[in-house]
Amino acid sequence: MLSHNDLKKGVLFIYNRQPYEVMEYSLSFKGRGHSVVQTKIKNLITGSVTSQNFKPSETFEEAELTRVNLAFVYSNRDKYVFENPDNKSQRIELTSEQVGGGANFLKQSQEVEGLKFNNKIINISLPIKVTLKVTQSPPAVKGDRAESGYKQITLETGAIVNAPLFVKEGDAIEINTETMEYVRRV
């Protein structure tokens, strides 16, 4: 059992009979020694993120999730299809809410981890860093500025991110999927 103090960032727990992940955690003290944990939690089945406060009297069950390897096949409208790399006939369909913002960085046959809860795959987790090719990059315009500049570029998956001015079309760059930001040129 987990207490309210155990709900740190990244902890998986059961709340209202559904698995949640703690995205943000803050401990605040109220008058006379009473503490409250303010969290931002993500429902791993629906993908919705909510703010929730927990009191010291509350306890939670730890979520029993298993991880399986999956490969991205294709997306159509709001559906994302993944397959088991060992058995290509086993396909799993997830909604865009379940996949989340990482859907912008999925390319065909990319390997991801699937989260299994009660023998059903409910969500995926992308690698923290992915390498993608730049398909569109406006020319760099030098101007009089005190700091280095950024421009918006388009990646092979269709995602648009900010990158330094020196990034050109055809370059391979590394993207952090958690922050959705440029990391480096590969």
N, C-alpha and C. Protein backbone atom coordinates (compact mmCIF):
# COMPACT_ATOMS: atom_id res chain seq x y z
N MET A 1 0.84 -1.18 0.00
CA MET A 1 0.00 0.00 0.00
C MET A 1 0.89 1.25 0.00
N LEU A 2 0.44 2.24 -0.72
CA LEU A 2 1.17 3.50 -0.80
C LEU A 2 0.45 4.56 0.03
N SER A 3 1.23 5.36 0.73
CA SER A 3 0.63 6.48 1.47
C SER A 3 0.67 7.72 0.58
N HIS A 4 0.12 8.81 1.07
CA HIS A 4 0.10 10.04 0.27
C HIS A 4 1.52 10.58 0.04
N ASN A 5 2.47 10.27 0.93
CA ASN A 5 3.85 10.72 0.76
C ASN A 5 4.62 9.93 -0.30
N ASP A 6 4.12 8.74 -0.67
CA ASP A 6 4.79 7.91 -1.67
C ASP A 6 4.45 8.32 -3.10
N LEU A 7 3.54 9.24 -3.27
CA LEU A 7 3.09 9.62 -4.61
C LEU A 7 4.04 10.61 -5.27
N LYS A 8 5.26 10.18 -5.53
CA LYS A 8 6.27 11.01 -6.20
C LYS A 8 6.08 10.92 -7.71
N LYS A 9 6.77 11.77 -8.45
CA LYS A 9 6.66 11.79 -9.91
C LYS A 9 7.06 10.42 -10.48
N GLY A 10 6.21 9.89 -11.38
CA GLY A 10 6.48 8.62 -12.03
C GLY A 10 5.88 7.41 -11.35
N VAL A 11 5.33 7.56 -10.15
CA VAL A 11 4.74 6.43 -9.42
C VAL A 11 3.41 6.05 -10.07
N LEU A 12 3.19 4.75 -10.21
CA LEU A 12 1.95 4.22 -10.78
C LEU A 12 1.10 3.66 -9.63
N PHE A 13 -0.17 4.07 -9.57
CA PHE A 13 -1.05 3.61 -8.49
C PHE A 13 -2.49 3.49 -8.98
N ILE A 14 -3.31 2.80 -8.19
CA ILE A 14 -4.72 2.61 -8.52
C ILE A 14 -5.54 3.65 -7.76
N TYR A 15 -6.38 4.37 -8.49
CA TYR A 15 -7.27 5.38 -7.90
C TYR A 15 -8.61 5.26 -8.61
N ASN A 16 -9.68 5.10 -7.88
CA ASN A 16 -11.01 4.88 -8.45
C ASN A 16 -11.01 3.69 -9.42
N ARG A 17 -10.31 2.61 -9.06
CA ARG A 17 -10.22 1.35 -9.81
C ARG A 17 -9.58 1.50 -11.18
N GLN A 18 -8.81 2.57 -11.39
CA GLN A 18 -8.10 2.75 -12.65
C GLN A 18 -6.65 3.11 -12.38
N PRO A 19 -5.74 2.73 -13.30
CA PRO A 19 -4.33 3.03 -13.08
C PRO A 19 -4.01 4.49 -13.42
N TYR A 20 -3.21 5.12 -12.56
CA TYR A 20 -2.80 6.51 -12.76
C TYR A 20 -1.29 6.61 -12.60
N GLU A 21 -0.72 7.62 -13.24
CA GLU A 21 0.70 7.94 -13.08
C GLU A 21 0.80 9.35 -12.55
N VAL A 22 1.68 9.57 -11.58
CA VAL A 22 1.89 10.90 -11.01
C VAL A 22 2.80 11.68 -11.96
N MET A 23 2.29 12.82 -12.46
CA MET A 23 3.06 13.68 -13.36
C MET A 23 3.80 14.77 -12.59
N GLU A 24 3.13 15.36 -11.60
CA GLU A 24 3.73 16.40 -10.76
C GLU A 24 3.34 16.13 -9.32
N TYR A 25 4.22 16.53 -8.39
CA TYR A 25 4.01 16.25 -6.98
C TYR A 25 4.47 17.46 -6.18
N SER A 26 3.64 17.88 -5.22
CA SER A 26 4.02 19.00 -4.35
C SER A 26 3.38 18.76 -2.97
N LEU A 27 4.22 18.82 -1.93
CA LEU A 27 3.74 18.64 -0.57
C LEU A 27 3.56 20.01 0.07
N SER A 28 2.36 20.26 0.59
CA SER A 28 2.13 21.56 1.25
C SER A 28 1.54 21.31 2.63
N PHE A 29 1.95 22.15 3.56
CA PHE A 29 1.50 22.02 4.94
C PHE A 29 0.42 23.04 5.23
N LYS A 30 -0.65 22.57 5.82
CA LYS A 30 -1.74 23.45 6.26
C LYS A 30 -1.52 23.72 7.75
N GLY A 31 -2.34 24.51 8.33
CA GLY A 31 -2.21 24.85 9.74
C GLY A 31 -2.26 23.65 10.66
N ARG A 32 -1.57 23.73 11.80
CA ARG A 32 -1.54 22.71 12.85
C ARG A 32 -1.00 21.35 12.38
N GLY A 33 0.02 21.38 11.54
CA GLY A 33 0.70 20.15 11.17
C GLY A 33 0.02 19.27 10.15
N HIS A 34 -1.07 19.72 9.56
CA HIS A 34 -1.80 18.94 8.57
C HIS A 34 -1.15 19.15 7.20
N SER A 35 -0.78 18.07 6.52
CA SER A 35 -0.15 18.19 5.21
C SER A 35 -1.08 17.66 4.12
N VAL A 36 -0.93 18.22 2.94
CA VAL A 36 -1.71 17.80 1.79
C VAL A 36 -0.75 17.63 0.61
N VAL A 37 -0.95 16.58 -0.16
CA VAL A 37 -0.15 16.38 -1.36
C VAL A 37 -0.97 16.86 -2.55
N GLN A 38 -0.41 17.84 -3.27
CA GLN A 38 -1.06 18.33 -4.49
C GLN A 38 -0.38 17.65 -5.66
N THR A 39 -1.16 16.97 -6.48
CA THR A 39 -0.59 16.22 -7.59
C THR A 39 -1.30 16.55 -8.90
N LYS A 40 -0.61 16.26 -9.97
CA LYS A 40 -1.21 16.25 -11.30
C LYS A 40 -1.05 14.80 -11.74
N ILE A 41 -2.16 14.11 -11.96
CA ILE A 41 -2.11 12.68 -12.28
C ILE A 41 -2.71 12.42 -13.66
N LYS A 42 -2.17 11.40 -14.32
CA LYS A 42 -2.63 11.02 -15.66
C LYS A 42 -3.28 9.65 -15.60
N ASN A 43 -4.51 9.57 -16.08
CA ASN A 43 -5.21 8.30 -16.19
C ASN A 43 -4.59 7.54 -17.35
N LEU A 44 -4.04 6.36 -17.10
CA LEU A 44 -3.33 5.62 -18.14
C LEU A 44 -4.26 4.94 -19.13
N ILE A 45 -5.55 4.84 -18.82
CA ILE A 45 -6.49 4.25 -19.76
C ILE A 45 -7.05 5.30 -20.71
N THR A 46 -7.49 6.42 -20.18
CA THR A 46 -8.09 7.46 -21.02
C THR A 46 -7.09 8.51 -21.49
N GLY A 47 -5.99 8.66 -20.77
CA GLY A 47 -4.99 9.66 -21.14
C GLY A 47 -5.27 11.04 -20.58
N SER A 48 -6.36 11.21 -19.83
CA SER A 48 -6.70 12.52 -19.29
C SER A 48 -5.83 12.85 -18.08
N VAL A 49 -5.48 14.13 -17.95
CA VAL A 49 -4.65 14.61 -16.85
C VAL A 49 -5.51 15.50 -15.96
N THR A 50 -5.49 15.24 -14.64
CA THR A 50 -6.27 16.04 -13.70
C THR A 50 -5.42 16.41 -12.49
N SER A 51 -5.81 17.48 -11.82
CA SER A 51 -5.17 17.88 -10.57
C SER A 51 -5.95 17.25 -9.43
N GLN A 52 -5.24 16.72 -8.44
CA GLN A 52 -5.91 16.05 -7.33
C GLN A 52 -5.11 16.28 -6.05
N ASN A 53 -5.81 16.56 -4.95
CA ASN A 53 -5.17 16.70 -3.64
C ASN A 53 -5.46 15.45 -2.82
N PHE A 54 -4.43 14.97 -2.09
CA PHE A 54 -4.59 13.78 -1.26
C PHE A 54 -4.23 14.11 0.18
N LYS A 55 -4.99 13.53 1.11
CA LYS A 55 -4.79 13.76 2.55
C LYS A 55 -3.95 12.62 3.13
N PRO A 56 -3.38 12.83 4.33
CA PRO A 56 -2.55 11.78 4.95
C PRO A 56 -3.31 10.49 5.25
N SER A 57 -4.61 10.56 5.42
CA SER A 57 -5.38 9.37 5.77
C SER A 57 -5.60 8.45 4.55
N GLU A 58 -5.35 8.92 3.35
CA GLU A 58 -5.61 8.12 2.15
C GLU A 58 -4.44 7.18 1.84
N THR A 59 -4.79 5.95 1.46
CA THR A 59 -3.78 4.98 1.02
C THR A 59 -4.19 4.45 -0.35
N PHE A 60 -3.20 3.98 -1.10
CA PHE A 60 -3.45 3.55 -2.48
C PHE A 60 -2.76 2.23 -2.75
N GLU A 61 -3.33 1.49 -3.66
CA GLU A 61 -2.74 0.24 -4.10
C GLU A 61 -1.78 0.54 -5.25
N GLU A 62 -0.64 -0.13 -5.25
CA GLU A 62 0.33 0.06 -6.33
C GLU A 62 -0.21 -0.61 -7.60
N ALA A 63 -0.07 0.06 -8.74
CA ALA A 63 -0.57 -0.49 -10.00
C ALA A 63 0.36 -1.58 -10.50
N GLU A 64 -0.22 -2.73 -10.83
CA GLU A 64 0.54 -3.86 -11.37
C GLU A 64 0.47 -3.78 -12.89
N LEU A 65 1.47 -3.14 -13.48
CA LEU A 65 1.52 -3.01 -14.94
C LEU A 65 2.71 -3.81 -15.46
N THR A 66 2.49 -4.48 -16.57
CA THR A 66 3.59 -5.18 -17.23
C THR A 66 3.88 -4.47 -18.53
N ARG A 67 5.13 -4.54 -18.95
CA ARG A 67 5.55 -3.87 -20.18
C ARG A 67 5.79 -4.91 -21.27
N VAL A 68 5.27 -4.62 -22.47
CA VAL A 68 5.47 -5.49 -23.63
C VAL A 68 6.00 -4.66 -24.79
N ASN A 69 6.78 -5.30 -25.66
CA ASN A 69 7.30 -4.61 -26.84
C ASN A 69 6.25 -4.57 -27.92
N LEU A 70 6.10 -3.40 -28.55
CA LEU A 70 5.18 -3.22 -29.66
C LEU A 70 5.88 -2.46 -30.77
N ALA A 71 5.37 -2.57 -31.97
CA ALA A 71 5.88 -1.80 -33.10
C ALA A 71 4.72 -1.01 -33.70
N PHE A 72 4.98 0.27 -34.01
CA PHE A 72 3.95 1.12 -34.61
C PHE A 72 3.75 0.72 -36.06
N VAL A 73 2.48 0.55 -36.48
CA VAL A 73 2.17 0.15 -37.85
C VAL A 73 1.68 1.35 -38.65
N TYR A 74 0.55 1.94 -38.24
CA TYR A 74 0.00 3.10 -38.95
C TYR A 74 -1.01 3.81 -38.08
N SER A 75 -1.40 5.01 -38.52
CA SER A 75 -2.48 5.74 -37.85
C SER A 75 -3.52 6.12 -38.89
N ASN A 76 -4.77 6.12 -38.47
CA ASN A 76 -5.87 6.50 -39.33
C ASN A 76 -6.86 7.27 -38.49
N ARG A 77 -7.04 8.54 -38.83
CA ARG A 77 -7.88 9.46 -38.07
C ARG A 77 -7.40 9.51 -36.62
N ASP A 78 -8.20 9.08 -35.66
CA ASP A 78 -7.82 9.14 -34.25
C ASP A 78 -7.36 7.80 -33.70
N LYS A 79 -7.10 6.84 -34.57
CA LYS A 79 -6.70 5.50 -34.14
C LYS A 79 -5.24 5.24 -34.50
N TYR A 80 -4.52 4.61 -33.57
CA TYR A 80 -3.13 4.23 -33.78
C TYR A 80 -3.03 2.72 -33.62
N VAL A 81 -2.44 2.06 -34.62
CA VAL A 81 -2.38 0.61 -34.64
C VAL A 81 -0.93 0.17 -34.37
N PHE A 82 -0.79 -0.76 -33.42
CA PHE A 82 0.49 -1.33 -33.05
C PHE A 82 0.41 -2.84 -33.20
N GLU A 83 1.57 -3.48 -33.38
CA GLU A 83 1.59 -4.93 -33.50
C GLU A 83 2.69 -5.51 -32.62
N ASN A 84 2.53 -6.77 -32.28
CA ASN A 84 3.55 -7.49 -31.54
C ASN A 84 4.66 -7.82 -32.53
N PRO A 85 5.91 -7.40 -32.30
CA PRO A 85 6.98 -7.67 -33.27
C PRO A 85 7.25 -9.16 -33.50
N ASP A 86 6.94 -10.01 -32.51
CA ASP A 86 7.16 -11.44 -32.65
C ASP A 86 6.02 -12.13 -33.39
N ASN A 87 4.81 -11.60 -33.24
CA ASN A 87 3.63 -12.18 -33.87
C ASN A 87 2.85 -11.05 -34.55
N LYS A 88 3.10 -10.83 -35.82
CA LYS A 88 2.56 -9.67 -36.53
C LYS A 88 1.04 -9.71 -36.68
N SER A 89 0.41 -10.85 -36.41
CA SER A 89 -1.04 -10.93 -36.51
C SER A 89 -1.74 -10.35 -35.29
N GLN A 90 -1.01 -10.18 -34.19
CA GLN A 90 -1.58 -9.59 -32.98
C GLN A 90 -1.49 -8.08 -33.09
N ARG A 91 -2.61 -7.42 -33.35
CA ARG A 91 -2.62 -5.97 -33.48
C ARG A 91 -3.46 -5.34 -32.39
N ILE A 92 -3.02 -4.16 -31.94
CA ILE A 92 -3.67 -3.43 -30.87
C ILE A 92 -4.00 -2.05 -31.40
N GLU A 93 -5.20 -1.58 -31.13
CA GLU A 93 -5.61 -0.25 -31.58
C GLU A 93 -5.81 0.64 -30.37
N LEU A 94 -5.19 1.83 -30.38
CA LEU A 94 -5.32 2.80 -29.29
C LEU A 94 -5.82 4.12 -29.86
N THR A 95 -6.48 4.91 -29.01
CA THR A 95 -6.97 6.22 -29.44
C THR A 95 -5.87 7.27 -29.26
N SER A 96 -6.07 8.43 -29.86
CA SER A 96 -5.08 9.51 -29.75
C SER A 96 -4.96 10.00 -28.32
N GLU A 97 -6.04 9.93 -27.51
CA GLU A 97 -5.97 10.33 -26.11
C GLU A 97 -5.07 9.38 -25.32
N GLN A 98 -5.13 8.09 -25.64
CA GLN A 98 -4.30 7.13 -24.95
C GLN A 98 -2.83 7.29 -25.31
N VAL A 99 -2.54 7.55 -26.57
CA VAL A 99 -1.17 7.70 -27.03
C VAL A 99 -0.58 9.02 -26.54
N GLY A 100 -1.38 10.07 -26.52
CA GLY A 100 -0.93 11.36 -26.01
C GLY A 100 -0.10 12.15 -27.01
N GLY A 101 0.66 13.12 -26.50
CA GLY A 101 1.46 14.00 -27.35
C GLY A 101 2.59 13.31 -28.06
N GLY A 102 2.99 12.15 -27.60
CA GLY A 102 4.06 11.42 -28.24
C GLY A 102 3.70 10.91 -29.62
N ALA A 103 2.41 10.95 -29.97
CA ALA A 103 1.97 10.49 -31.28
C ALA A 103 2.64 11.28 -32.40
N ASN A 104 3.03 12.52 -32.13
CA ASN A 104 3.69 13.35 -33.15
C ASN A 104 5.05 12.81 -33.54
N PHE A 105 5.63 11.92 -32.75
CA PHE A 105 6.98 11.43 -33.00
C PHE A 105 7.02 9.95 -33.36
N LEU A 106 5.86 9.36 -33.70
CA LEU A 106 5.81 7.96 -34.09
C LEU A 106 6.07 7.83 -35.59
N LYS A 107 7.00 6.96 -35.95
CA LYS A 107 7.20 6.66 -37.37
C LYS A 107 7.02 5.16 -37.56
N GLN A 108 6.75 4.75 -38.79
CA GLN A 108 6.42 3.37 -39.08
C GLN A 108 7.50 2.41 -38.62
N SER A 109 7.08 1.31 -38.04
CA SER A 109 7.89 0.22 -37.47
C SER A 109 8.82 0.64 -36.35
N GLN A 110 8.50 1.77 -35.71
CA GLN A 110 9.25 2.20 -34.53
C GLN A 110 8.82 1.36 -33.34
N GLU A 111 9.79 0.90 -32.55
CA GLU A 111 9.49 0.08 -31.38
C GLU A 111 9.16 0.97 -30.18
N VAL A 112 8.10 0.61 -29.47
CA VAL A 112 7.67 1.30 -28.26
C VAL A 112 7.33 0.25 -27.21
N GLU A 113 7.13 0.70 -25.96
CA GLU A 113 6.70 -0.20 -24.90
C GLU A 113 5.21 -0.03 -24.67
N GLY A 114 4.50 -1.14 -24.60
CA GLY A 114 3.08 -1.10 -24.28
C GLY A 114 2.89 -1.39 -22.80
N LEU A 115 1.94 -0.70 -22.18
CA LEU A 115 1.62 -0.93 -20.77
C LEU A 115 0.38 -1.81 -20.70
N LYS A 116 0.51 -2.95 -20.01
CA LYS A 116 -0.58 -3.91 -19.91
C LYS A 116 -1.15 -3.88 -18.50
N PHE A 117 -2.48 -3.70 -18.40
CA PHE A 117 -3.18 -3.67 -17.13
C PHE A 117 -4.37 -4.61 -17.25
N ASN A 118 -4.49 -5.57 -16.33
CA ASN A 118 -5.55 -6.58 -16.37
C ASN A 118 -5.60 -7.29 -17.72
N ASN A 119 -4.44 -7.70 -18.23
CA ASN A 119 -4.29 -8.43 -19.50
C ASN A 119 -4.79 -7.66 -20.72
N LYS A 120 -4.79 -6.34 -20.65
CA LYS A 120 -5.21 -5.52 -21.79
C LYS A 120 -4.21 -4.37 -21.93
N ILE A 121 -3.74 -4.12 -23.14
CA ILE A 121 -2.80 -3.02 -23.36
C ILE A 121 -3.60 -1.72 -23.35
N ILE A 122 -3.20 -0.81 -22.44
CA ILE A 122 -3.96 0.42 -22.23
C ILE A 122 -3.25 1.66 -22.71
N ASN A 123 -1.93 1.59 -22.90
CA ASN A 123 -1.16 2.79 -23.22
C ASN A 123 0.20 2.38 -23.76
N ILE A 124 0.93 3.36 -24.29
CA ILE A 124 2.31 3.11 -24.73
C ILE A 124 3.23 4.12 -24.08
N SER A 125 4.50 3.78 -24.03
CA SER A 125 5.49 4.76 -23.61
C SER A 125 6.60 4.78 -24.65
N LEU A 126 6.86 5.97 -25.16
CA LEU A 126 7.90 6.16 -26.18
C LEU A 126 9.27 6.20 -25.53
N PRO A 127 10.32 5.93 -26.31
CA PRO A 127 11.65 6.19 -25.78
C PRO A 127 11.78 7.68 -25.48
N ILE A 128 12.63 8.04 -24.52
CA ILE A 128 12.75 9.45 -24.14
C ILE A 128 13.29 10.28 -25.29
N LYS A 129 14.23 9.71 -26.06
CA LYS A 129 14.79 10.44 -27.19
C LYS A 129 14.62 9.63 -28.47
N VAL A 130 14.17 10.30 -29.54
CA VAL A 130 14.03 9.67 -30.84
C VAL A 130 14.78 10.50 -31.88
N THR A 131 15.28 9.84 -32.91
CA THR A 131 15.98 10.51 -33.99
C THR A 131 15.05 10.57 -35.20
N LEU A 132 14.84 11.78 -35.71
CA LEU A 132 13.96 11.99 -36.85
C LEU A 132 14.64 12.88 -37.88
N LYS A 133 14.21 12.76 -39.14
CA LYS A 133 14.78 13.53 -40.23
C LYS A 133 13.97 14.81 -40.44
N VAL A 134 14.67 15.89 -40.76
CA VAL A 134 14.03 17.19 -41.03
C VAL A 134 13.57 17.20 -42.48
N THR A 135 12.27 17.43 -42.73
CA THR A 135 11.75 17.47 -44.10
C THR A 135 11.59 18.89 -44.62
N GLN A 136 11.30 19.83 -43.73
CA GLN A 136 11.16 21.23 -44.14
C GLN A 136 11.86 22.12 -43.13
N SER A 137 12.67 23.04 -43.64
CA SER A 137 13.37 23.97 -42.79
C SER A 137 13.51 25.29 -43.53
N PRO A 138 12.90 26.36 -43.03
CA PRO A 138 13.05 27.65 -43.72
C PRO A 138 14.50 28.11 -43.65
N PRO A 139 14.93 28.92 -44.61
CA PRO A 139 16.32 29.39 -44.56
C PRO A 139 16.56 30.25 -43.33
N ALA A 140 17.78 30.16 -42.80
CA ALA A 140 18.15 30.94 -41.62
C ALA A 140 18.37 32.39 -42.03
N VAL A 141 17.77 33.31 -41.31
CA VAL A 141 17.92 34.73 -41.59
C VAL A 141 18.71 35.34 -40.44
N LYS A 142 19.86 35.89 -40.79
CA LYS A 142 20.67 36.53 -39.75
C LYS A 142 20.14 37.94 -39.55
N GLY A 143 20.02 38.29 -38.31
CA GLY A 143 19.56 39.63 -37.96
C GLY A 143 20.38 40.13 -36.79
N ASP A 144 20.06 41.29 -36.32
CA ASP A 144 20.79 41.78 -35.16
C ASP A 144 20.05 41.38 -33.90
N ARG A 145 20.55 40.33 -33.28
CA ARG A 145 19.94 39.85 -32.05
C ARG A 145 21.06 39.51 -31.07
N ALA A 146 20.76 39.54 -29.83
CA ALA A 146 21.76 39.30 -28.80
C ALA A 146 21.96 37.82 -28.51
N GLU A 147 20.93 37.00 -28.81
CA GLU A 147 20.99 35.58 -28.50
C GLU A 147 20.86 34.76 -29.79
N SER A 148 21.19 33.48 -29.68
CA SER A 148 21.02 32.62 -30.84
C SER A 148 19.54 32.46 -31.13
N GLY A 149 19.20 32.31 -32.40
CA GLY A 149 17.80 32.26 -32.80
C GLY A 149 17.29 30.85 -33.00
N TYR A 150 15.99 30.75 -33.07
CA TYR A 150 15.32 29.48 -33.33
C TYR A 150 14.36 29.66 -34.47
N LYS A 151 14.06 28.56 -35.15
CA LYS A 151 13.08 28.56 -36.23
C LYS A 151 12.24 27.29 -36.12
N GLN A 152 11.07 27.32 -36.75
CA GLN A 152 10.19 26.15 -36.72
C GLN A 152 10.53 25.27 -37.91
N ILE A 153 10.73 23.98 -37.63
CA ILE A 153 11.03 23.01 -38.67
C ILE A 153 9.98 21.90 -38.64
N THR A 154 9.83 21.21 -39.76
CA THR A 154 8.90 20.09 -39.86
C THR A 154 9.70 18.79 -39.96
N LEU A 155 9.28 17.81 -39.17
CA LEU A 155 9.96 16.51 -39.14
C LEU A 155 9.25 15.51 -40.05
N GLU A 156 9.88 14.36 -40.28
CA GLU A 156 9.32 13.35 -41.17
C GLU A 156 7.96 12.82 -40.71
N THR A 157 7.65 12.95 -39.43
CA THR A 157 6.36 12.48 -38.91
C THR A 157 5.28 13.55 -39.02
N GLY A 158 5.66 14.77 -39.46
CA GLY A 158 4.72 15.87 -39.57
C GLY A 158 4.73 16.79 -38.37
N ALA A 159 5.48 16.44 -37.34
CA ALA A 159 5.57 17.27 -36.13
C ALA A 159 6.35 18.54 -36.44
N ILE A 160 5.95 19.64 -35.81
CA ILE A 160 6.64 20.92 -35.95
C ILE A 160 7.27 21.27 -34.61
N VAL A 161 8.60 21.50 -34.62
CA VAL A 161 9.33 21.84 -33.40
C VAL A 161 10.25 23.02 -33.67
N ASN A 162 10.68 23.66 -32.59
CA ASN A 162 11.66 24.74 -32.69
C ASN A 162 13.06 24.13 -32.68
N ALA A 163 13.93 24.66 -33.55
CA ALA A 163 15.31 24.18 -33.62
C ALA A 163 16.21 25.37 -33.90
N PRO A 164 17.51 25.24 -33.62
CA PRO A 164 18.45 26.33 -33.90
C PRO A 164 18.51 26.65 -35.40
N LEU A 165 19.00 27.82 -35.72
CA LEU A 165 19.04 28.28 -37.11
C LEU A 165 19.93 27.43 -38.01
N PHE A 166 20.94 26.73 -37.46
CA PHE A 166 21.86 25.97 -38.29
C PHE A 166 21.28 24.65 -38.80
N VAL A 167 20.11 24.22 -38.30
CA VAL A 167 19.51 22.96 -38.74
C VAL A 167 18.95 23.15 -40.15
N LYS A 168 19.33 22.21 -41.06
CA LYS A 168 18.92 22.30 -42.46
C LYS A 168 18.02 21.13 -42.82
N GLU A 169 17.38 21.25 -43.97
CA GLU A 169 16.57 20.17 -44.52
C GLU A 169 17.45 18.96 -44.78
N GLY A 170 16.98 17.77 -44.40
CA GLY A 170 17.75 16.56 -44.60
C GLY A 170 18.57 16.15 -43.38
N ASP A 171 18.75 17.05 -42.41
CA ASP A 171 19.49 16.72 -41.19
C ASP A 171 18.70 15.73 -40.35
N ALA A 172 19.41 14.90 -39.61
CA ALA A 172 18.78 14.03 -38.61
C ALA A 172 19.01 14.68 -37.26
N ILE A 173 17.91 14.86 -36.51
CA ILE A 173 18.01 15.50 -35.20
C ILE A 173 17.39 14.61 -34.13
N GLU A 174 17.81 14.84 -32.91
CA GLU A 174 17.29 14.09 -31.76
C GLU A 174 16.26 14.96 -31.05
N ILE A 175 15.12 14.37 -30.72
CA ILE A 175 14.02 15.07 -30.04
C ILE A 175 13.74 14.38 -28.72
N ASN A 176 13.52 15.18 -27.66
CA ASN A 176 13.09 14.66 -26.37
C ASN A 176 11.57 14.53 -26.43
N THR A 177 11.04 13.31 -26.31
CA THR A 177 9.60 13.10 -26.45
C THR A 177 8.80 13.57 -25.23
N GLU A 178 9.45 13.73 -24.09
CA GLU A 178 8.74 14.20 -22.90
C GLU A 178 8.52 15.71 -22.97
N THR A 179 9.56 16.46 -23.36
CA THR A 179 9.44 17.92 -23.42
C THR A 179 9.08 18.40 -24.82
N MET A 180 9.16 17.50 -25.82
CA MET A 180 8.87 17.81 -27.22
C MET A 180 9.78 18.91 -27.75
N GLU A 181 11.07 18.83 -27.38
CA GLU A 181 12.02 19.86 -27.78
C GLU A 181 13.22 19.26 -28.47
N TYR A 182 13.89 20.09 -29.27
CA TYR A 182 15.13 19.74 -29.96
C TYR A 182 16.21 19.45 -28.92
N VAL A 183 17.02 18.39 -29.14
CA VAL A 183 18.12 18.08 -28.24
C VAL A 183 19.46 18.37 -28.93
N ARG A 184 19.67 17.71 -30.09
CA ARG A 184 20.93 17.90 -30.81
C ARG A 184 20.80 17.39 -32.23
N ARG A 185 21.80 17.76 -33.05
CA ARG A 185 21.87 17.24 -34.42
C ARG A 185 22.70 15.98 -34.37
N VAL A 186 22.26 14.95 -35.08
CA VAL A 186 22.94 13.66 -35.06
C VAL A 186 23.84 13.54 -36.29
